[in-house]
Protein backbone atom coordinates (compact mmCIF):
# COMPACT_ATOMS: atom_id res chain seq x y z
CA UNK A 1 -4.86 3.91 -25.41
CA UNK A 2 -4.95 1.94 -22.13
CA UNK A 3 -3.05 4.59 -20.19
CA UNK A 4 -5.51 7.32 -21.20
CA UNK A 5 -8.44 5.11 -20.23
CA UNK A 6 -6.90 4.38 -16.86
CA UNK A 7 -6.19 8.07 -16.26
CA UNK A 8 -9.80 8.88 -17.15
CA UNK A 9 -11.04 6.36 -14.59
CA UNK A 10 -8.62 7.88 -12.07
CA UNK A 11 -9.99 11.37 -12.73
CA UNK A 12 -13.58 10.17 -12.26
CA UNK A 13 -12.62 8.43 -9.03
CA UNK A 14 -10.91 11.61 -7.78
CA UNK A 15 -14.08 13.58 -8.45
CA UNK A 16 -15.99 11.02 -6.37
CA UNK A 17 -13.50 11.30 -3.51
CA UNK A 18 -13.69 15.10 -3.66
CA UNK A 19 -17.48 14.97 -3.49
CA UNK A 20 -17.31 12.66 -0.49
CA UNK A 21 -14.92 15.02 1.30
CA UNK A 22 -17.38 17.89 0.82
CA UNK A 23 -20.03 16.18 2.95
CA UNK A 24 -17.80 14.69 5.65
CA UNK A 25 -15.64 16.04 8.46
CA UNK A 26 -11.93 16.15 9.16
CA UNK A 27 -11.88 12.79 10.91
CA UNK A 28 -13.42 11.04 7.93
CA UNK A 29 -10.96 12.85 5.66
CA UNK A 30 -8.03 11.44 7.64
CA UNK A 31 -9.52 7.95 7.46
CA UNK A 32 -10.06 8.27 3.72
CA UNK A 33 -6.44 9.35 3.36
CA UNK A 34 -5.42 6.26 5.35
CA UNK A 35 -7.49 4.10 2.99
CA UNK A 36 -5.72 5.76 0.06
CA UNK A 37 -2.11 5.14 1.05
CA UNK A 38 -2.97 1.66 2.34
CA UNK A 39 -4.61 0.90 -1.01
CA UNK A 40 -1.42 1.92 -2.82
CA UNK A 41 0.73 -0.29 -0.58
CA UNK A 42 -1.55 -3.30 -1.07
CA UNK A 43 -1.78 -2.68 -4.84
CA UNK A 44 2.01 -2.79 -5.10
CA UNK A 45 2.10 -6.02 -3.11
CA UNK A 46 -0.73 -7.27 -5.33
CA UNK A 47 1.40 -6.89 -8.43
CA UNK A 48 4.34 -8.64 -6.77
CA UNK A 49 2.39 -11.59 -5.33
CA UNK A 50 -0.48 -11.92 -7.77
CA UNK A 51 1.44 -10.72 -10.81
CA UNK A 52 4.84 -12.40 -10.54
CA UNK A 53 4.17 -15.02 -7.86
CA UNK A 54 6.80 -13.73 -5.41
CA UNK A 55 5.71 -13.77 -1.77
CA UNK A 56 7.21 -10.92 0.24
CA UNK A 57 7.07 -10.56 4.01
CA UNK A 58 9.01 -7.30 3.98
CA UNK A 59 6.67 -4.88 2.23
CA UNK A 60 6.35 -2.80 5.37
CA UNK A 61 10.11 -2.15 5.20
CA UNK A 62 9.68 -0.29 1.91
CA UNK A 63 6.92 1.77 3.50
CA UNK A 64 9.37 2.65 6.26
CA UNK A 65 11.93 3.79 3.68
CA UNK A 66 9.37 6.10 2.12
CA UNK A 67 8.08 7.41 5.44
CA UNK A 68 11.52 8.24 6.84
CA UNK A 69 12.51 9.66 3.47
CA UNK A 70 9.57 12.07 3.61
CA UNK A 71 10.35 13.05 7.21
CA UNK A 72 14.04 13.71 6.51
CA UNK A 73 13.23 15.73 3.40
CA UNK A 74 10.71 17.92 5.26
CA UNK A 75 13.11 18.45 8.16
CA UNK A 76 16.25 19.19 6.15
CA UNK A 77 14.82 20.56 2.89
CA UNK A 78 11.60 22.34 3.95
CA UNK A 79 11.48 24.46 0.79
CA UNK A 80 10.92 21.45 -1.48
CA UNK A 81 7.31 21.02 -2.66
CA UNK A 82 5.39 17.82 -2.03
CA UNK A 83 5.73 16.67 -5.64
CA UNK A 84 9.54 16.93 -5.44
CA UNK A 85 9.57 15.00 -2.15
CA UNK A 86 7.44 12.24 -3.66
CA UNK A 87 9.65 12.06 -6.74
CA UNK A 88 12.75 11.63 -4.56
CA UNK A 89 10.98 8.95 -2.50
CA UNK A 90 10.07 7.10 -5.71
CA UNK A 91 13.73 7.13 -6.79
CA UNK A 92 15.05 5.97 -3.41
CA UNK A 93 12.43 3.23 -3.11
CA UNK A 94 13.19 2.03 -6.63
CA UNK A 95 16.89 1.75 -5.78
CA UNK A 96 15.99 -0.26 -2.67
CA UNK A 97 13.78 -2.48 -4.80
CA UNK A 98 16.61 -3.10 -7.26
CA UNK A 99 18.93 -4.12 -4.43
CA UNK A 100 16.41 -6.48 -2.83
CA UNK A 101 15.21 -7.82 -6.18
CA UNK A 102 18.70 -8.71 -7.36
CA UNK A 103 19.55 -10.34 -4.04
CA UNK A 104 16.40 -12.50 -4.06
CA UNK A 105 15.94 -13.14 -7.80
CA UNK A 106 17.08 -16.78 -7.52
CA UNK A 107 15.05 -17.55 -4.38
CA UNK A 108 11.70 -19.28 -4.33
CA UNK A 109 8.96 -20.12 -1.84
CA UNK A 110 10.00 -20.16 1.82
CA UNK A 111 13.55 -19.03 0.98
CA UNK A 112 12.23 -15.86 -0.63
CA UNK A 113 9.80 -15.29 2.24
CA UNK A 114 12.63 -15.78 4.74
CA UNK A 115 14.90 -13.30 2.98
CA UNK A 116 12.24 -10.59 2.94
CA UNK A 117 11.36 -11.47 6.54
CA UNK A 118 14.90 -10.50 7.53
CA UNK A 119 14.37 -7.14 5.85
CA UNK A 120 11.15 -6.50 7.78
CA UNK A 121 12.70 -7.47 11.11
CA UNK A 122 16.06 -5.78 10.68
CA UNK A 123 15.28 -2.44 9.04
CA UNK A 124 13.38 -0.85 11.98
CA UNK A 125 16.49 -1.43 14.09
CA UNK A 126 18.30 1.23 12.06
CA UNK A 127 16.22 3.88 13.81
CA UNK A 128 17.82 2.80 17.11
CA UNK A 129 21.28 2.42 15.60
CA UNK A 130 21.25 5.94 14.12
CA UNK A 131 19.39 7.65 16.93
CA UNK A 132 20.49 11.20 16.16
CA UNK A 133 19.40 11.02 12.53
CA UNK A 134 16.26 8.88 12.78
CA UNK A 135 15.06 9.72 16.28
CA UNK A 136 15.29 6.30 17.89
CA UNK A 137 12.11 4.85 19.40
CA UNK A 138 10.41 8.26 19.41
CA UNK A 139 10.87 8.65 15.68
CA UNK A 140 10.57 11.98 13.87
CA UNK A 141 7.85 14.62 13.99
CA UNK A 142 7.28 16.88 11.01
CA UNK A 143 4.95 19.70 10.03
CA UNK A 144 3.76 19.56 6.45
CA UNK A 145 2.06 22.34 4.53
CA UNK A 146 -1.71 22.47 4.36
CA UNK A 147 -3.96 23.95 1.70
CA UNK A 148 -2.47 26.74 -0.45
CA UNK A 149 -3.30 30.33 0.59
CA UNK A 150 -5.95 30.87 -2.07
CA UNK A 151 -7.91 27.82 -0.79
CA UNK A 152 -7.61 28.46 2.93
CA UNK A 153 -11.03 28.81 4.46
CA UNK A 154 -12.64 26.87 1.63
CA UNK A 155 -10.74 23.61 2.13
CA UNK A 156 -9.54 22.32 5.49
CA UNK A 157 -6.03 21.00 5.99
CA UNK A 158 -7.32 17.45 6.42
CA UNK A 159 -9.37 17.64 3.21
CA UNK A 160 -6.40 19.02 1.29
CA UNK A 161 -4.11 16.26 2.49
CA UNK A 162 -6.70 13.62 1.64
CA UNK A 163 -7.02 15.07 -1.87
CA UNK A 164 -3.24 15.11 -2.28
CA UNK A 165 -3.04 11.49 -1.16
CA UNK A 166 -5.82 10.30 -3.44
CA UNK A 167 -4.47 12.23 -6.44
CA UNK A 168 -1.11 10.49 -6.00
CA UNK A 169 -2.72 7.12 -5.33
CA UNK A 170 -5.05 7.20 -8.32
CA UNK A 171 -2.32 8.27 -10.74
CA UNK A 172 -0.11 5.50 -9.35
CA UNK A 173 -2.90 2.95 -9.75
CA UNK A 174 -3.34 4.03 -13.37
CA UNK A 175 0.38 3.41 -13.93
CA UNK A 176 0.19 0.01 -12.21
CA UNK A 177 -2.83 -0.99 -14.28
CA UNK A 178 -1.07 0.06 -17.49
CA UNK A 179 2.01 -1.99 -16.55
CA UNK A 180 -0.11 -5.01 -15.71
CA UNK A 181 -1.95 -4.81 -19.04
CA UNK A 182 1.25 -4.36 -21.04
CA UNK A 183 4.15 -6.56 -22.08
CA UNK A 184 5.82 -6.50 -18.66
CA UNK A 185 2.60 -7.63 -17.00
CA UNK A 186 2.29 -10.56 -19.40
CA UNK A 187 5.88 -11.54 -18.69
CA UNK A 188 5.23 -11.42 -14.95
CA UNK A 189 2.24 -13.71 -15.26
CA UNK A 190 4.26 -16.10 -17.43
CA UNK A 191 6.97 -16.25 -14.76
CA UNK A 192 4.32 -16.74 -12.08
CA UNK A 193 2.72 -19.66 -13.90
CA UNK A 194 5.91 -21.52 -14.90
CA UNK A 195 9.42 -20.09 -14.82
CA UNK A 196 10.87 -22.86 -16.98
CA UNK A 197 8.25 -22.48 -19.69
CA UNK A 198 8.63 -18.69 -19.56
CA UNK A 199 12.41 -18.96 -20.01
CA UNK A 200 11.96 -21.34 -22.95
CA UNK A 201 9.57 -18.82 -24.51
CA UNK A 202 12.24 -16.12 -24.34
CA UNK A 203 11.07 -14.30 -21.22
CA UNK A 204 14.00 -12.90 -19.16
CA UNK A 205 12.97 -14.45 -15.87
CA UNK A 206 15.54 -12.76 -13.64
CA UNK A 207 15.03 -9.22 -14.89
CA UNK A 208 11.25 -9.68 -14.84
CA UNK A 209 11.30 -10.70 -11.17
CA UNK A 210 13.57 -7.78 -10.32
CA UNK A 211 11.24 -5.41 -12.18
CA UNK A 212 8.30 -6.69 -10.14
CA UNK A 213 10.21 -6.00 -6.92
CA UNK A 214 11.14 -2.50 -8.10
CA UNK A 215 7.53 -1.64 -8.92
CA UNK A 216 6.23 -3.07 -5.64
CA UNK A 217 8.91 -1.33 -3.58
CA UNK A 218 8.19 1.97 -5.32
CA UNK A 219 4.48 1.68 -4.54
CA UNK A 220 5.26 0.75 -0.93
CA UNK A 221 7.73 3.59 -0.48
CA UNK A 222 5.30 6.08 -1.99
CA UNK A 223 2.58 4.83 0.34
CA UNK A 224 4.89 5.27 3.34
CA UNK A 225 5.77 8.79 2.25
CA UNK A 226 2.08 9.68 1.98
CA UNK A 227 1.47 8.20 5.43
CA UNK A 228 4.17 10.44 6.92
CA UNK A 229 2.72 13.42 5.07
CA UNK A 230 -0.74 12.84 6.52
CA UNK A 231 0.17 11.82 10.08
CA UNK A 232 3.14 14.16 10.59
CA UNK A 233 5.04 11.55 12.60
CA UNK A 234 7.22 8.53 11.80
CA UNK A 235 8.23 5.87 14.33
CA UNK A 236 9.94 2.49 13.85
CA UNK A 237 7.12 0.84 15.80
CA UNK A 238 4.74 1.60 12.92
CA UNK A 239 6.72 -0.55 10.47
CA UNK A 240 7.30 -3.80 12.28
CA UNK A 241 6.83 -7.30 10.89
CA UNK A 242 3.18 -7.09 11.96
CA UNK A 243 2.56 -4.44 9.27
CA UNK A 244 3.99 -6.63 6.51
CA UNK A 245 1.96 -9.61 7.67
CA UNK A 246 -1.18 -7.47 7.90
CA UNK A 247 -0.73 -6.23 4.33
CA UNK A 248 -0.28 -9.78 3.04
CA UNK A 249 -3.27 -11.07 5.02
CA UNK A 250 -5.41 -8.16 3.82
CA UNK A 251 -4.39 -8.95 0.24
CA UNK A 252 -5.76 -12.48 0.67
CA UNK A 253 -8.88 -11.12 2.36
CA UNK A 254 -9.65 -8.69 -0.45
CA UNK A 255 -8.82 -11.09 -3.26
CA UNK A 256 -5.54 -11.63 -5.09
CA UNK A 257 -5.29 -10.41 -8.67
CA UNK A 258 -7.61 -7.40 -8.66
CA UNK A 259 -7.48 -3.67 -7.95
CA UNK A 260 -10.90 -4.04 -6.35
CA UNK A 261 -9.44 -6.68 -4.05
CA UNK A 262 -6.77 -4.19 -2.98
CA UNK A 263 -9.51 -1.64 -2.24
CA UNK A 264 -11.47 -4.08 -0.06
CA UNK A 265 -8.23 -4.94 1.72
CA UNK A 266 -7.45 -1.29 2.46
CA UNK A 267 -10.97 -0.64 3.73
CA UNK A 268 -10.76 -3.68 5.99
CA UNK A 269 -7.38 -2.69 7.43
CA UNK A 270 -8.47 0.86 8.22
CA UNK A 271 -12.08 0.50 9.30
CA UNK A 272 -11.91 -2.79 11.18
CA UNK A 273 -9.30 -1.16 13.41
CA UNK A 274 -11.49 1.92 13.85
CA UNK A 275 -14.61 -0.09 14.69
CA UNK A 276 -12.78 -2.40 17.08
CA UNK A 277 -11.15 0.51 18.90
CA UNK A 278 -14.48 2.35 19.17
CA UNK A 279 -16.14 -0.78 20.55
CA UNK A 280 -13.42 -1.31 23.17
CA UNK A 281 -13.60 2.35 24.17
CA UNK A 282 -17.39 2.36 24.45
CA UNK A 283 -17.34 -0.76 26.64
CA UNK A 284 -14.46 0.61 28.71
CA UNK A 285 -12.42 -2.56 28.20
CA UNK A 286 -9.06 -0.98 28.96
CA UNK A 287 -6.10 0.12 26.94
CA UNK A 288 -4.61 -3.34 26.43
CA UNK A 289 -7.87 -4.73 25.03
CA UNK A 290 -8.28 -1.67 22.80
CA UNK A 291 -4.81 -2.22 21.33
CA UNK A 292 -5.33 -5.93 20.63
CA UNK A 293 -9.01 -6.11 19.71
CA UNK A 294 -8.47 -4.85 16.11
CA UNK A 295 -6.12 -7.79 15.46
CA UNK A 296 -8.74 -10.21 16.80
CA UNK A 297 -11.45 -8.62 14.66
CA UNK A 298 -9.32 -8.81 11.55
CA UNK A 299 -8.39 -12.42 12.20
CA UNK A 300 -12.01 -13.46 12.71
CA UNK A 301 -13.13 -11.69 9.54
CA UNK A 302 -10.26 -13.22 7.56
CA UNK A 303 -11.12 -16.74 8.74
CA UNK A 304 -14.82 -16.32 7.98
CA UNK A 305 -14.24 -14.85 4.52
CA UNK A 306 -11.78 -17.54 3.49
CA UNK A 307 -13.99 -20.25 4.94
CA UNK A 308 -16.99 -19.32 2.82
CA UNK A 309 -15.36 -17.39 -0.06
CA UNK A 310 -11.82 -18.70 -0.73
CA UNK A 311 -11.26 -16.09 -3.45
CA UNK A 312 -11.77 -13.25 -0.98
CA UNK A 313 -14.26 -10.42 -0.92
CA UNK A 314 -13.81 -9.69 -4.61
CA UNK A 315 -14.58 -13.34 -5.33
CA UNK A 316 -17.85 -12.94 -3.45
CA UNK A 317 -18.69 -9.78 -5.40
CA UNK A 318 -17.97 -11.55 -8.68
CA UNK A 319 -20.17 -14.50 -7.71
CA UNK A 320 -23.10 -12.26 -6.74
CA UNK A 321 -22.80 -10.15 -9.88
CA UNK A 322 -22.54 -13.22 -12.10
CA UNK A 323 -25.73 -14.64 -10.62
CA UNK A 324 -27.47 -11.38 -11.43
CA UNK A 325 -26.23 -11.57 -15.02
CA UNK A 326 -23.83 -8.63 -14.93
CA UNK A 327 -20.24 -9.84 -14.48
CA UNK A 328 -17.91 -7.38 -12.75
CA UNK A 329 -14.61 -6.77 -14.58
CA UNK A 330 -11.54 -7.61 -12.55
CA UNK A 331 -8.67 -5.40 -13.72
CA UNK A 332 -5.33 -6.46 -12.34
CA UNK A 333 -3.07 -3.76 -10.91
């Protein structure tokens, strides 16, 4: 069965991540965790854009919903385990996806992008409007549990959190891959290619587009919740329009239509920022340059990749592997 195969691949990948954590330090563990929840966010956007053809500029808003949901649950219901918190975040994010999906189901192209743009711009303002609940500009600080008592001393807190993130991410990716390979995935691709032809073939176009939004919003909310779990802080400045645009640009950079493309996108978002910040710090270029240099680096890399490999990094990998006679499979999320 496809779902069992995907779960087996997820288990093997988790073993690889665990082995990598054994030979690295806490800083690398935090960066790997960042790659994990960024990968989940991009994979959800991948299914929405590459699967159903709907361009969203508000994906960061769903991450904000998940992040603040995690923070509020930890602050007001500290006895709940992480799995319960994540389940609640999935439910809340799905409800948000239903609301946005229904409201935008009849929109196309720039009208759809504009509607989701309003979501990305307006939602962070709620933190200022409800200052006492959401903390205003300073956001919320939380303290999440580390490794269980029987593993303390053997596994660091950072390693444990990275493992928790990657376990959630890999299971979620297996679910996304199963959806994409199933009937709903085929309906999404039919709607993406031609809505009129899909409707004539009996595909419920409206409900299919809403379902794509629900799945993408759930992945984004779950990614935001994992981010709050790892970082221990949530601020509205982390979920501005720039985040949504960065996720969409990274999706194009990695390659639309592939889980591997989402992985390259997540690695680029995390490590290009790290390398640029380290370079600015080593050259003593000042705080302003350090804050803006990652954006410049990412823009330059994006332009170069699309100039020479229009299908993104995964397109380059496919071309190289094909020339060597061993095509790389491109599973869609």
